[in-house]
Amino acid sequence: MAIPARRDACPTIKNILLLDSGGRRVAVKYYTDEWPTNGAKLAFERSIFIKTQKTNARTEAEIVMFENNIVVYKFIQDLHFFVTGGDNENELALAAVLQGFSDAVTLLLRGNVDQRDALENLNMMFLCLDEIIDAGMILETDGNMIAGKVATHNMDDGAPLSEQTISQALATAREHLTRSLLR
């Protein structure tokens, strides 16, 4: 007898936040109604930023319990990455989402992980979030896969290979190989 799959058996994400070094939004996505208004969301972001700003989460991700939520976070240059889950979520799953997001952003921004480059490539930041999470459910945590999918979405198909990023060029090569194998 098959056991029915339960949605609550899978880890769920409440939000992913990408804030600058002043605690202001760069790219954020909320997947629950726990923060019903924009004011409530901004207050949560400000509170979590203040709580974590004095920590040194630059080499490894840190974990904090905050307002009955588990928050996993990491800082890269002047960007602060946060992933929030419920108090009963698996910290390793949350950390995998955080690592995938930060790795993808690092690849897409070619190592220049700073506020200016993130804002200039805001469409890629949101595409990353869409590739990682859908309605709170984790879809992908591999930074290379996420960056490849985002680069494929973002790529101008007519651009010569010399003008594409490495991830875009690899995505193009993979697409051409797939097409040739399917013929």
N, C-alpha and C. Protein backbone atom coordinates (compact mmCIF):
# COMPACT_ATOMS: atom_id res chain seq x y z
N MET A 1 0.84 -1.17 0.00
CA MET A 1 0.00 0.00 0.00
C MET A 1 0.89 1.25 0.00
N ALA A 2 0.62 2.13 -0.93
CA ALA A 2 1.43 3.35 -1.06
C ALA A 2 1.03 4.36 0.01
N ILE A 3 2.02 5.00 0.54
CA ILE A 3 1.79 6.04 1.53
C ILE A 3 1.67 7.37 0.78
N PRO A 4 0.58 8.11 1.00
CA PRO A 4 0.43 9.37 0.28
C PRO A 4 1.50 10.38 0.69
N ALA A 5 2.00 11.12 -0.30
CA ALA A 5 3.00 12.16 -0.03
C ALA A 5 2.34 13.31 0.72
N ARG A 6 3.02 13.80 1.73
CA ARG A 6 2.51 14.93 2.49
C ARG A 6 3.37 16.14 2.23
N ARG A 7 2.73 17.25 1.98
CA ARG A 7 3.47 18.50 1.73
C ARG A 7 4.31 18.89 2.94
N ASP A 8 3.79 18.62 4.14
CA ASP A 8 4.52 19.03 5.33
C ASP A 8 5.72 18.13 5.63
N ALA A 9 5.91 17.06 4.86
CA ALA A 9 7.06 16.19 5.03
C ALA A 9 8.31 16.79 4.38
N CYS A 10 8.12 17.71 3.45
CA CYS A 10 9.23 18.37 2.77
C CYS A 10 9.55 19.69 3.47
N PRO A 11 10.83 20.02 3.54
CA PRO A 11 11.17 21.32 4.13
C PRO A 11 10.55 22.46 3.32
N THR A 12 10.07 23.48 4.00
CA THR A 12 9.52 24.63 3.31
C THR A 12 10.25 25.89 3.76
N ILE A 13 10.33 26.80 2.86
CA ILE A 13 11.02 28.06 3.08
C ILE A 13 9.98 29.15 3.26
N LYS A 14 10.17 30.00 4.27
CA LYS A 14 9.24 31.11 4.50
C LYS A 14 9.63 32.34 3.70
N ASN A 15 10.93 32.58 3.61
CA ASN A 15 11.41 33.70 2.80
C ASN A 15 12.88 33.56 2.50
N ILE A 16 13.30 34.27 1.47
CA ILE A 16 14.72 34.42 1.15
C ILE A 16 14.95 35.91 1.02
N LEU A 17 15.97 36.38 1.72
CA LEU A 17 16.27 37.80 1.74
C LEU A 17 17.69 38.05 1.25
N LEU A 18 17.84 39.03 0.40
CA LEU A 18 19.15 39.52 0.01
C LEU A 18 19.13 41.01 0.34
N LEU A 19 19.89 41.36 1.39
CA LEU A 19 19.93 42.73 1.89
C LEU A 19 21.31 43.32 1.68
N ASP A 20 21.38 44.65 1.64
CA ASP A 20 22.69 45.29 1.52
C ASP A 20 23.29 45.48 2.91
N SER A 21 24.45 46.11 2.97
CA SER A 21 25.16 46.26 4.24
C SER A 21 24.49 47.24 5.20
N GLY A 22 23.44 47.91 4.73
CA GLY A 22 22.67 48.79 5.61
C GLY A 22 21.33 48.18 6.00
N GLY A 23 21.09 46.94 5.58
CA GLY A 23 19.84 46.25 5.91
C GLY A 23 18.69 46.57 4.95
N ARG A 24 18.99 47.24 3.84
CA ARG A 24 17.96 47.56 2.86
C ARG A 24 17.81 46.44 1.84
N ARG A 25 16.62 46.30 1.29
CA ARG A 25 16.32 45.26 0.33
C ARG A 25 17.14 45.39 -0.95
N VAL A 26 17.62 44.27 -1.40
CA VAL A 26 18.16 44.16 -2.75
C VAL A 26 17.19 43.28 -3.53
N ALA A 27 16.96 42.06 -3.04
CA ALA A 27 15.99 41.15 -3.64
C ALA A 27 15.42 40.28 -2.52
N VAL A 28 14.11 40.26 -2.37
CA VAL A 28 13.46 39.44 -1.34
C VAL A 28 12.25 38.74 -1.93
N LYS A 29 11.97 37.56 -1.40
CA LYS A 29 10.76 36.83 -1.77
C LYS A 29 10.19 36.19 -0.51
N TYR A 30 8.90 36.35 -0.31
CA TYR A 30 8.19 35.73 0.81
C TYR A 30 7.27 34.67 0.25
N TYR A 31 7.20 33.53 0.95
CA TYR A 31 6.40 32.40 0.48
C TYR A 31 5.27 32.04 1.43
N THR A 32 5.09 32.82 2.50
CA THR A 32 3.99 32.59 3.44
C THR A 32 3.30 33.92 3.70
N ASP A 33 2.14 33.83 4.35
CA ASP A 33 1.40 35.03 4.74
C ASP A 33 1.69 35.43 6.18
N GLU A 34 2.76 34.88 6.75
CA GLU A 34 3.11 35.18 8.14
C GLU A 34 3.38 36.67 8.35
N TRP A 35 3.85 37.34 7.32
CA TRP A 35 4.08 38.77 7.35
C TRP A 35 3.12 39.36 6.31
N PRO A 36 1.90 39.73 6.73
CA PRO A 36 0.84 40.06 5.77
C PRO A 36 1.00 41.40 5.05
N THR A 37 1.72 42.33 5.64
CA THR A 37 1.84 43.64 5.01
C THR A 37 3.30 43.92 4.67
N ASN A 38 3.49 44.88 3.80
CA ASN A 38 4.86 45.27 3.46
C ASN A 38 5.57 45.83 4.68
N GLY A 39 4.85 46.53 5.53
CA GLY A 39 5.43 47.06 6.76
C GLY A 39 5.92 45.95 7.68
N ALA A 40 5.15 44.88 7.79
CA ALA A 40 5.55 43.74 8.62
C ALA A 40 6.80 43.07 8.05
N LYS A 41 6.85 42.97 6.73
CA LYS A 41 8.02 42.37 6.07
C LYS A 41 9.26 43.24 6.31
N LEU A 42 9.11 44.54 6.14
CA LEU A 42 10.25 45.44 6.36
C LEU A 42 10.72 45.40 7.81
N ALA A 43 9.78 45.31 8.73
CA ALA A 43 10.13 45.23 10.16
C ALA A 43 10.90 43.94 10.45
N PHE A 44 10.46 42.82 9.87
CA PHE A 44 11.17 41.55 10.06
C PHE A 44 12.58 41.66 9.50
N GLU A 45 12.70 42.20 8.29
CA GLU A 45 14.02 42.33 7.65
C GLU A 45 14.94 43.19 8.50
N ARG A 46 14.43 44.29 9.00
CA ARG A 46 15.24 45.19 9.82
C ARG A 46 15.67 44.50 11.12
N SER A 47 14.73 43.78 11.74
CA SER A 47 15.03 43.09 13.00
C SER A 47 16.08 42.01 12.82
N ILE A 48 15.95 41.22 11.77
CA ILE A 48 16.91 40.13 11.56
C ILE A 48 18.27 40.70 11.17
N PHE A 49 18.27 41.80 10.44
CA PHE A 49 19.53 42.44 10.09
C PHE A 49 20.25 42.93 11.34
N ILE A 50 19.52 43.62 12.21
CA ILE A 50 20.11 44.16 13.45
C ILE A 50 20.63 43.02 14.32
N LYS A 51 19.87 41.94 14.43
CA LYS A 51 20.27 40.81 15.27
C LYS A 51 21.55 40.15 14.76
N THR A 52 21.77 40.14 13.45
CA THR A 52 22.89 39.39 12.89
C THR A 52 24.08 40.24 12.46
N GLN A 53 23.95 41.54 12.44
CA GLN A 53 25.01 42.37 11.86
C GLN A 53 26.33 42.32 12.60
N LYS A 54 26.33 42.00 13.88
CA LYS A 54 27.57 41.96 14.63
C LYS A 54 28.25 40.59 14.60
N THR A 55 27.67 39.65 13.87
CA THR A 55 28.28 38.32 13.77
C THR A 55 29.24 38.30 12.59
N ASN A 56 30.05 37.27 12.56
CA ASN A 56 31.02 37.13 11.48
C ASN A 56 30.64 35.93 10.63
N ALA A 57 29.64 36.11 9.79
CA ALA A 57 29.15 35.01 8.95
C ALA A 57 29.74 35.11 7.55
N ARG A 58 31.02 35.41 7.45
CA ARG A 58 31.64 35.57 6.14
C ARG A 58 32.28 34.28 5.65
N THR A 59 32.77 33.45 6.54
CA THR A 59 33.42 32.22 6.08
C THR A 59 32.44 31.06 6.00
N GLU A 60 31.53 30.98 6.93
CA GLU A 60 30.53 29.91 6.95
C GLU A 60 29.16 30.49 7.27
N ALA A 61 28.14 29.73 6.90
CA ALA A 61 26.78 30.14 7.25
C ALA A 61 26.59 30.03 8.76
N GLU A 62 25.80 30.92 9.29
CA GLU A 62 25.44 30.91 10.71
C GLU A 62 23.95 30.62 10.82
N ILE A 63 23.55 30.13 11.98
CA ILE A 63 22.15 29.80 12.23
C ILE A 63 21.71 30.53 13.49
N VAL A 64 20.50 31.11 13.45
CA VAL A 64 19.96 31.78 14.62
C VAL A 64 18.46 31.46 14.71
N MET A 65 17.98 31.34 15.93
CA MET A 65 16.55 31.19 16.17
C MET A 65 16.01 32.60 16.39
N PHE A 66 15.01 32.99 15.60
CA PHE A 66 14.52 34.36 15.67
C PHE A 66 13.01 34.36 15.46
N GLU A 67 12.26 34.86 16.45
CA GLU A 67 10.80 34.94 16.38
C GLU A 67 10.17 33.62 15.93
N ASN A 68 10.55 32.53 16.58
CA ASN A 68 10.04 31.19 16.28
C ASN A 68 10.35 30.74 14.85
N ASN A 69 11.44 31.23 14.30
CA ASN A 69 11.90 30.83 12.99
C ASN A 69 13.38 30.49 13.07
N ILE A 70 13.79 29.58 12.21
CA ILE A 70 15.22 29.30 12.05
C ILE A 70 15.68 30.15 10.87
N VAL A 71 16.70 30.94 11.09
CA VAL A 71 17.25 31.77 10.03
C VAL A 71 18.71 31.37 9.82
N VAL A 72 19.03 31.01 8.58
CA VAL A 72 20.39 30.68 8.20
C VAL A 72 20.88 31.86 7.36
N TYR A 73 22.08 32.33 7.63
CA TYR A 73 22.53 33.53 6.94
C TYR A 73 24.03 33.49 6.67
N LYS A 74 24.40 34.32 5.71
CA LYS A 74 25.80 34.41 5.29
C LYS A 74 26.02 35.78 4.67
N PHE A 75 27.21 36.33 4.87
CA PHE A 75 27.55 37.63 4.30
C PHE A 75 28.66 37.45 3.26
N ILE A 76 28.49 38.07 2.12
CA ILE A 76 29.53 38.10 1.10
C ILE A 76 29.70 39.56 0.70
N GLN A 77 30.88 40.08 0.93
CA GLN A 77 31.19 41.49 0.72
C GLN A 77 30.11 42.35 1.36
N ASP A 78 29.38 43.16 0.57
CA ASP A 78 28.37 44.03 1.19
C ASP A 78 26.95 43.51 1.01
N LEU A 79 26.81 42.21 0.74
CA LEU A 79 25.49 41.60 0.62
C LEU A 79 25.28 40.60 1.76
N HIS A 80 24.05 40.60 2.28
CA HIS A 80 23.68 39.70 3.38
C HIS A 80 22.58 38.77 2.86
N PHE A 81 22.84 37.47 2.88
CA PHE A 81 21.93 36.45 2.39
C PHE A 81 21.24 35.79 3.60
N PHE A 82 19.91 35.66 3.56
CA PHE A 82 19.15 35.05 4.65
C PHE A 82 18.14 34.06 4.06
N VAL A 83 17.98 32.92 4.73
CA VAL A 83 16.93 31.96 4.39
C VAL A 83 16.21 31.64 5.69
N THR A 84 14.87 31.77 5.68
CA THR A 84 14.07 31.56 6.88
C THR A 84 13.16 30.36 6.71
N GLY A 85 13.11 29.54 7.75
CA GLY A 85 12.19 28.40 7.80
C GLY A 85 11.53 28.35 9.17
N GLY A 86 10.56 27.49 9.31
CA GLY A 86 9.87 27.34 10.59
C GLY A 86 10.79 26.76 11.65
N ASP A 87 10.36 26.83 12.91
CA ASP A 87 11.21 26.36 14.00
C ASP A 87 11.42 24.85 14.02
N ASN A 88 10.68 24.11 13.19
CA ASN A 88 10.87 22.66 13.13
C ASN A 88 11.52 22.21 11.82
N GLU A 89 12.01 23.15 11.03
CA GLU A 89 12.65 22.80 9.76
C GLU A 89 14.07 22.29 9.98
N ASN A 90 14.54 21.56 9.00
CA ASN A 90 15.88 21.00 9.03
C ASN A 90 16.88 22.11 8.67
N GLU A 91 17.79 22.39 9.59
CA GLU A 91 18.77 23.45 9.37
C GLU A 91 19.66 23.15 8.17
N LEU A 92 19.95 21.87 7.93
CA LEU A 92 20.80 21.51 6.80
C LEU A 92 20.12 21.81 5.47
N ALA A 93 18.82 21.60 5.41
CA ALA A 93 18.08 21.92 4.18
C ALA A 93 18.08 23.43 3.95
N LEU A 94 17.87 24.19 5.01
CA LEU A 94 17.91 25.66 4.89
C LEU A 94 19.31 26.12 4.48
N ALA A 95 20.34 25.51 5.06
CA ALA A 95 21.71 25.87 4.71
C ALA A 95 22.03 25.52 3.26
N ALA A 96 21.47 24.42 2.76
CA ALA A 96 21.69 24.04 1.37
C ALA A 96 21.07 25.06 0.42
N VAL A 97 19.89 25.56 0.76
CA VAL A 97 19.25 26.61 -0.04
C VAL A 97 20.10 27.87 -0.02
N LEU A 98 20.57 28.26 1.15
CA LEU A 98 21.41 29.45 1.28
C LEU A 98 22.68 29.30 0.45
N GLN A 99 23.33 28.15 0.55
CA GLN A 99 24.57 27.92 -0.19
C GLN A 99 24.32 27.93 -1.69
N GLY A 100 23.23 27.31 -2.14
CA GLY A 100 22.90 27.31 -3.56
C GLY A 100 22.66 28.71 -4.08
N PHE A 101 21.93 29.51 -3.31
CA PHE A 101 21.65 30.89 -3.71
C PHE A 101 22.93 31.71 -3.77
N SER A 102 23.74 31.65 -2.73
CA SER A 102 24.97 32.45 -2.71
C SER A 102 25.95 31.99 -3.78
N ASP A 103 26.05 30.68 -4.02
CA ASP A 103 26.92 30.17 -5.08
C ASP A 103 26.45 30.64 -6.45
N ALA A 104 25.15 30.57 -6.70
CA ALA A 104 24.61 31.01 -7.99
C ALA A 104 24.85 32.49 -8.21
N VAL A 105 24.62 33.29 -7.19
CA VAL A 105 24.84 34.74 -7.30
C VAL A 105 26.32 35.01 -7.58
N THR A 106 27.21 34.32 -6.89
CA THR A 106 28.65 34.49 -7.11
C THR A 106 29.02 34.15 -8.55
N LEU A 107 28.48 33.05 -9.08
CA LEU A 107 28.76 32.67 -10.46
C LEU A 107 28.20 33.69 -11.45
N LEU A 108 26.97 34.09 -11.25
CA LEU A 108 26.32 35.01 -12.19
C LEU A 108 26.95 36.40 -12.18
N LEU A 109 27.44 36.82 -11.03
CA LEU A 109 28.08 38.13 -10.94
C LEU A 109 29.59 38.04 -11.16
N ARG A 110 30.04 36.89 -11.60
CA ARG A 110 31.46 36.64 -11.92
C ARG A 110 32.38 37.00 -10.77
N GLY A 111 31.98 36.66 -9.57
CA GLY A 111 32.80 36.90 -8.39
C GLY A 111 32.68 38.29 -7.80
N ASN A 112 32.05 39.23 -8.49
CA ASN A 112 31.85 40.58 -7.97
C ASN A 112 30.54 40.64 -7.20
N VAL A 113 30.52 40.01 -6.06
CA VAL A 113 29.29 39.95 -5.27
C VAL A 113 29.21 41.21 -4.43
N ASP A 114 28.62 42.24 -5.01
CA ASP A 114 28.42 43.48 -4.27
C ASP A 114 27.07 44.07 -4.65
N GLN A 115 26.66 45.04 -3.87
CA GLN A 115 25.33 45.62 -4.03
C GLN A 115 25.12 46.22 -5.42
N ARG A 116 26.10 46.94 -5.91
CA ARG A 116 25.96 47.60 -7.21
C ARG A 116 25.73 46.58 -8.32
N ASP A 117 26.56 45.54 -8.36
CA ASP A 117 26.41 44.52 -9.40
C ASP A 117 25.11 43.74 -9.23
N ALA A 118 24.71 43.48 -7.99
CA ALA A 118 23.45 42.77 -7.76
C ALA A 118 22.27 43.59 -8.26
N LEU A 119 22.29 44.90 -7.98
CA LEU A 119 21.20 45.76 -8.43
C LEU A 119 21.19 45.91 -9.95
N GLU A 120 22.37 45.96 -10.56
CA GLU A 120 22.44 46.04 -12.02
C GLU A 120 21.93 44.77 -12.68
N ASN A 121 21.99 43.66 -11.96
CA ASN A 121 21.54 42.37 -12.48
C ASN A 121 20.36 41.83 -11.66
N LEU A 122 19.48 42.73 -11.26
CA LEU A 122 18.37 42.37 -10.40
C LEU A 122 17.48 41.28 -11.01
N ASN A 123 17.30 41.33 -12.32
CA ASN A 123 16.50 40.30 -12.98
C ASN A 123 17.09 38.91 -12.72
N MET A 124 18.42 38.80 -12.73
CA MET A 124 19.05 37.50 -12.47
C MET A 124 18.88 37.09 -11.01
N MET A 125 18.87 38.05 -10.09
CA MET A 125 18.69 37.72 -8.68
C MET A 125 17.30 37.09 -8.47
N PHE A 126 16.27 37.70 -9.09
CA PHE A 126 14.92 37.16 -8.95
C PHE A 126 14.75 35.84 -9.70
N LEU A 127 15.40 35.69 -10.85
CA LEU A 127 15.36 34.41 -11.55
C LEU A 127 15.99 33.31 -10.69
N CYS A 128 17.07 33.65 -9.98
CA CYS A 128 17.68 32.69 -9.05
C CYS A 128 16.67 32.23 -8.01
N LEU A 129 16.01 33.19 -7.41
CA LEU A 129 15.01 32.85 -6.38
C LEU A 129 13.93 31.95 -6.96
N ASP A 130 13.50 32.24 -8.20
CA ASP A 130 12.46 31.43 -8.83
C ASP A 130 12.95 30.03 -9.16
N GLU A 131 14.22 29.87 -9.47
CA GLU A 131 14.77 28.54 -9.76
C GLU A 131 14.98 27.72 -8.50
N ILE A 132 15.17 28.38 -7.37
CA ILE A 132 15.44 27.68 -6.11
C ILE A 132 14.16 27.26 -5.41
N ILE A 133 13.18 28.16 -5.33
CA ILE A 133 11.97 27.94 -4.52
C ILE A 133 10.73 28.21 -5.36
N ASP A 134 9.73 27.38 -5.18
CA ASP A 134 8.40 27.63 -5.77
C ASP A 134 7.36 27.42 -4.69
N ALA A 135 6.66 28.47 -4.33
CA ALA A 135 5.62 28.42 -3.30
C ALA A 135 6.14 27.84 -1.99
N GLY A 136 7.39 28.12 -1.66
CA GLY A 136 7.98 27.64 -0.42
C GLY A 136 8.65 26.28 -0.51
N MET A 137 8.44 25.57 -1.61
CA MET A 137 9.04 24.24 -1.80
C MET A 137 10.40 24.38 -2.48
N ILE A 138 11.37 23.64 -1.99
CA ILE A 138 12.73 23.69 -2.54
C ILE A 138 12.76 22.91 -3.85
N LEU A 139 13.21 23.59 -4.91
CA LEU A 139 13.33 22.95 -6.22
C LEU A 139 14.77 22.54 -6.53
N GLU A 140 15.71 23.41 -6.19
CA GLU A 140 17.11 23.17 -6.56
C GLU A 140 18.01 23.85 -5.55
N THR A 141 19.13 23.19 -5.22
CA THR A 141 20.09 23.79 -4.29
C THR A 141 21.50 23.82 -4.85
N ASP A 142 21.71 23.31 -6.04
CA ASP A 142 23.04 23.31 -6.65
C ASP A 142 23.28 24.65 -7.35
N GLY A 143 24.23 25.41 -6.86
CA GLY A 143 24.52 26.73 -7.40
C GLY A 143 24.84 26.73 -8.88
N ASN A 144 25.57 25.72 -9.35
CA ASN A 144 25.91 25.63 -10.77
C ASN A 144 24.68 25.43 -11.62
N MET A 145 23.79 24.56 -11.17
CA MET A 145 22.54 24.31 -11.91
C MET A 145 21.67 25.57 -11.94
N ILE A 146 21.56 26.22 -10.81
CA ILE A 146 20.74 27.44 -10.72
C ILE A 146 21.30 28.51 -11.65
N ALA A 147 22.60 28.75 -11.57
CA ALA A 147 23.23 29.76 -12.42
C ALA A 147 23.07 29.41 -13.90
N GLY A 148 23.22 28.13 -14.24
CA GLY A 148 23.05 27.71 -15.62
C GLY A 148 21.66 27.97 -16.15
N LYS A 149 20.66 27.66 -15.33
CA LYS A 149 19.27 27.90 -15.75
C LYS A 149 18.98 29.39 -15.88
N VAL A 150 19.48 30.18 -14.94
CA VAL A 150 19.26 31.63 -14.99
C VAL A 150 19.97 32.22 -16.21
N ALA A 151 21.19 31.77 -16.47
CA ALA A 151 21.94 32.27 -17.62
C ALA A 151 21.22 31.93 -18.92
N THR A 152 20.64 30.75 -18.98
CA THR A 152 19.90 30.34 -20.18
C THR A 152 18.67 31.23 -20.37
N HIS A 153 17.96 31.53 -19.29
CA HIS A 153 16.80 32.42 -19.37
C HIS A 153 17.21 33.83 -19.79
N ASN A 154 18.35 34.27 -19.28
CA ASN A 154 18.78 35.65 -19.43
C ASN A 154 19.56 35.91 -20.72
N MET A 155 19.96 34.84 -21.39
CA MET A 155 20.87 34.96 -22.52
C MET A 155 20.17 35.43 -23.78
N ASP A 156 20.83 36.27 -24.51
CA ASP A 156 20.38 36.66 -25.84
C ASP A 156 20.90 35.59 -26.78
N ASP A 157 19.99 34.83 -27.38
CA ASP A 157 20.40 33.71 -28.22
C ASP A 157 21.28 34.14 -29.39
N GLY A 158 21.17 35.37 -29.82
CA GLY A 158 21.96 35.83 -30.95
C GLY A 158 23.34 36.34 -30.56
N ALA A 159 23.65 36.41 -29.29
CA ALA A 159 24.94 36.95 -28.87
C ALA A 159 26.06 35.99 -29.20
N PRO A 160 27.17 36.50 -29.74
CA PRO A 160 28.30 35.61 -30.03
C PRO A 160 28.89 35.06 -28.74
N LEU A 161 29.50 33.88 -28.82
CA LEU A 161 30.06 33.25 -27.62
C LEU A 161 31.07 34.14 -26.92
N SER A 162 31.80 34.96 -27.66
CA SER A 162 32.81 35.82 -27.04
C SER A 162 32.21 36.86 -26.12
N GLU A 163 30.92 37.19 -26.29
CA GLU A 163 30.27 38.19 -25.46
C GLU A 163 29.44 37.58 -24.34
N GLN A 164 29.44 36.27 -24.21
CA GLN A 164 28.66 35.60 -23.18
C GLN A 164 29.55 35.30 -21.97
N THR A 165 28.93 35.18 -20.81
CA THR A 165 29.68 34.76 -19.63
C THR A 165 30.00 33.28 -19.78
N ILE A 166 30.87 32.78 -18.95
CA ILE A 166 31.24 31.36 -19.02
C ILE A 166 30.01 30.49 -18.82
N SER A 167 29.19 30.83 -17.83
CA SER A 167 27.99 30.00 -17.57
C SER A 167 27.02 30.07 -18.75
N GLN A 168 26.92 31.25 -19.37
CA GLN A 168 26.06 31.36 -20.55
C GLN A 168 26.62 30.53 -21.71
N ALA A 169 27.93 30.59 -21.89
CA ALA A 169 28.55 29.82 -22.97
C ALA A 169 28.38 28.32 -22.74
N LEU A 170 28.54 27.88 -21.48
CA LEU A 170 28.32 26.46 -21.17
C LEU A 170 26.87 26.06 -21.41
N ALA A 171 25.95 26.93 -21.03
CA ALA A 171 24.53 26.64 -21.26
C ALA A 171 24.24 26.54 -22.75
N THR A 172 24.84 27.44 -23.54
CA THR A 172 24.65 27.41 -24.99
C THR A 172 25.22 26.11 -25.57
N ALA A 173 26.43 25.76 -25.14
CA ALA A 173 27.05 24.52 -25.62
C ALA A 173 26.22 23.30 -25.25
N ARG A 174 25.71 23.28 -24.03
CA ARG A 174 24.88 22.16 -23.58
C ARG A 174 23.61 22.07 -24.42
N GLU A 175 23.01 23.22 -24.71
CA GLU A 175 21.79 23.25 -25.52
C GLU A 175 22.05 22.74 -26.93
N HIS A 176 23.18 23.17 -27.53
CA HIS A 176 23.53 22.71 -28.87
C HIS A 176 23.80 21.22 -28.89
N LEU A 177 24.48 20.71 -27.86
CA LEU A 177 24.76 19.28 -27.76
C LEU A 177 23.47 18.50 -27.63
N THR A 178 22.58 18.96 -26.80
CA THR A 178 21.28 18.29 -26.62
C THR A 178 20.51 18.25 -27.93
N ARG A 179 20.49 19.37 -28.65
CA ARG A 179 19.79 19.42 -29.94
C ARG A 179 20.39 18.44 -30.94
N SER A 180 21.74 18.36 -30.96
CA SER A 180 22.39 17.47 -31.92
C SER A 180 22.14 16.00 -31.56
N LEU A 181 22.03 15.70 -30.28
CA LEU A 181 21.77 14.31 -29.87
C LEU A 181 20.33 13.90 -30.15
N LEU A 182 19.42 14.87 -30.13
CA LEU A 182 18.01 14.56 -30.35
C LEU A 182 17.65 14.46 -31.83
N ARG A 183 18.56 14.82 -32.72
CA ARG A 183 18.28 14.74 -34.16
C ARG A 183 18.30 13.33 -34.65
